[in-house]
């Protein structure tokens, strides 16, 4: 008999939208990594805030696409 966790995992794998959602996450994750690397530099506060706002906007767009 399969455990509940295995059954749930199989159900998740069979969700049609899952691969598209994971691809979208991967595509947007690289932008977050690049933003973090940029924020680790000694940038003026104005530039750092611009980076944060840009990523925030991109993630809002991404989140709305993810749940369509």
C-alpha atoms as a PDB file:
ATOM      1  CA  UNK A   1       0.000   0.000   0.000  1.00  0.00           C
ATOM      2  CA  UNK A   2       1.332   3.448  -0.963  1.00  0.00           C
ATOM      3  CA  UNK A   3       1.796   6.083   1.676  1.00  0.00           C
ATOM      4  CA  UNK A   4      -0.206   9.295   1.593  1.00  0.00           C
ATOM      5  CA  UNK A   5       2.935  11.250   0.647  1.00  0.00           C
ATOM      6  CA  UNK A   6       3.545   9.091  -2.424  1.00  0.00           C
ATOM      7  CA  UNK A   7      -0.080   9.457  -3.492  1.00  0.00           C
ATOM      8  CA  UNK A   8       0.103  13.252  -3.100  1.00  0.00           C
ATOM      9  CA  UNK A   9       3.383  13.386  -5.034  1.00  0.00           C
ATOM     10  CA  UNK A  10       1.856  11.407  -7.898  1.00  0.00           C
ATOM     11  CA  UNK A  11      -1.143  13.739  -7.940  1.00  0.00           C
ATOM     12  CA  UNK A  12       1.157  16.777  -8.144  1.00  0.00           C
ATOM     13  CA  UNK A  13       3.198  15.260 -10.953  1.00  0.00           C
ATOM     14  CA  UNK A  14       0.036  14.649 -12.957  1.00  0.00           C
ATOM     15  CA  UNK A  15      -1.104  18.286 -12.796  1.00  0.00           C
ATOM     16  CA  UNK A  16      -0.965  19.499 -16.400  1.00  0.00           C
ATOM     17  CA  UNK A  17      -0.005  23.070 -15.542  1.00  0.00           C
ATOM     18  CA  UNK A  18       2.863  22.036 -13.260  1.00  0.00           C
ATOM     19  CA  UNK A  19       5.597  21.875 -15.899  1.00  0.00           C
ATOM     20  CA  UNK A  20       4.604  25.278 -17.303  1.00  0.00           C
ATOM     21  CA  UNK A  21       4.545  26.758 -13.811  1.00  0.00           C
ATOM     22  CA  UNK A  22       7.973  25.308 -13.009  1.00  0.00           C
ATOM     23  CA  UNK A  23       9.372  26.667 -16.280  1.00  0.00           C
ATOM     24  CA  UNK A  24       8.011  30.117 -15.414  1.00  0.00           C
ATOM     25  CA  UNK A  25       9.575  29.933 -11.957  1.00  0.00           C
ATOM     26  CA  UNK A  26      12.935  28.946 -13.461  1.00  0.00           C
ATOM     27  CA  UNK A  27      12.786  31.768 -16.005  1.00  0.00           C
ATOM     28  CA  UNK A  28      12.057  34.364 -13.334  1.00  0.00           C
ATOM     29  CA  UNK A  29      14.438  32.958 -10.737  1.00  0.00           C
ATOM     30  CA  UNK A  30      17.461  33.940 -12.826  1.00  0.00           C
ATOM     31  CA  UNK A  31      16.342  37.583 -12.692  1.00  0.00           C
ATOM     32  CA  UNK A  32      16.147  37.385  -8.903  1.00  0.00           C
ATOM     33  CA  UNK A  33      19.647  35.892  -8.702  1.00  0.00           C
ATOM     34  CA  UNK A  34      21.011  38.674 -10.921  1.00  0.00           C
ATOM     35  CA  UNK A  35      19.278  41.294  -8.776  1.00  0.00           C
ATOM     36  CA  UNK A  36      20.741  39.841  -5.583  1.00  0.00           C
ATOM     37  CA  UNK A  37      24.228  39.872  -7.119  1.00  0.00           C
ATOM     38  CA  UNK A  38      23.770  43.505  -8.142  1.00  0.00           C
ATOM     39  CA  UNK A  39      22.535  44.441  -4.668  1.00  0.00           C
ATOM     40  CA  UNK A  40      25.659  42.911  -3.137  1.00  0.00           C
ATOM     41  CA  UNK A  41      27.749  45.542  -4.921  1.00  0.00           C
ATOM     42  CA  UNK A  42      28.401  48.918  -3.359  1.00  0.00           C
ATOM     43  CA  UNK A  43      25.789  50.833  -5.311  1.00  0.00           C
ATOM     44  CA  UNK A  44      24.230  54.140  -4.400  1.00  0.00           C
ATOM     45  CA  UNK A  45      20.983  53.761  -2.484  1.00  0.00           C
ATOM     46  CA  UNK A  46      18.988  55.163  -5.401  1.00  0.00           C
ATOM     47  CA  UNK A  47      20.299  52.435  -7.740  1.00  0.00           C
ATOM     48  CA  UNK A  48      19.683  49.701  -5.173  1.00  0.00           C
ATOM     49  CA  UNK A  49      16.107  50.863  -4.695  1.00  0.00           C
ATOM     50  CA  UNK A  50      15.652  50.884  -8.468  1.00  0.00           C
ATOM     51  CA  UNK A  51      16.793  47.261  -8.651  1.00  0.00           C
ATOM     52  CA  UNK A  52      14.402  46.272  -5.868  1.00  0.00           C
ATOM     53  CA  UNK A  53      11.484  48.048  -7.550  1.00  0.00           C
ATOM     54  CA  UNK A  54      12.289  46.426 -10.898  1.00  0.00           C
ATOM     55  CA  UNK A  55      12.365  42.929  -9.403  1.00  0.00           C
ATOM     56  CA  UNK A  56       9.221  43.637  -7.430  1.00  0.00           C
ATOM     57  CA  UNK A  57       7.398  44.615 -10.624  1.00  0.00           C
ATOM     58  CA  UNK A  58       8.687  41.559 -12.464  1.00  0.00           C
ATOM     59  CA  UNK A  59       7.573  39.273  -9.654  1.00  0.00           C
ATOM     60  CA  UNK A  60       4.097  40.829  -9.561  1.00  0.00           C
ATOM     61  CA  UNK A  61       3.753  40.179 -13.287  1.00  0.00           C
ATOM     62  CA  UNK A  62       5.089  36.667 -12.809  1.00  0.00           C
ATOM     63  CA  UNK A  63       2.684  35.937  -9.941  1.00  0.00           C
ATOM     64  CA  UNK A  64      -0.313  37.077 -11.949  1.00  0.00           C
ATOM     65  CA  UNK A  65       0.726  34.827 -14.868  1.00  0.00           C
ATOM     66  CA  UNK A  66       1.321  31.888 -12.554  1.00  0.00           C
ATOM     67  CA  UNK A  67      -2.241  31.872 -11.262  1.00  0.00           C
ATOM     68  CA  UNK A  68      -4.010  32.379 -14.600  1.00  0.00           C
END
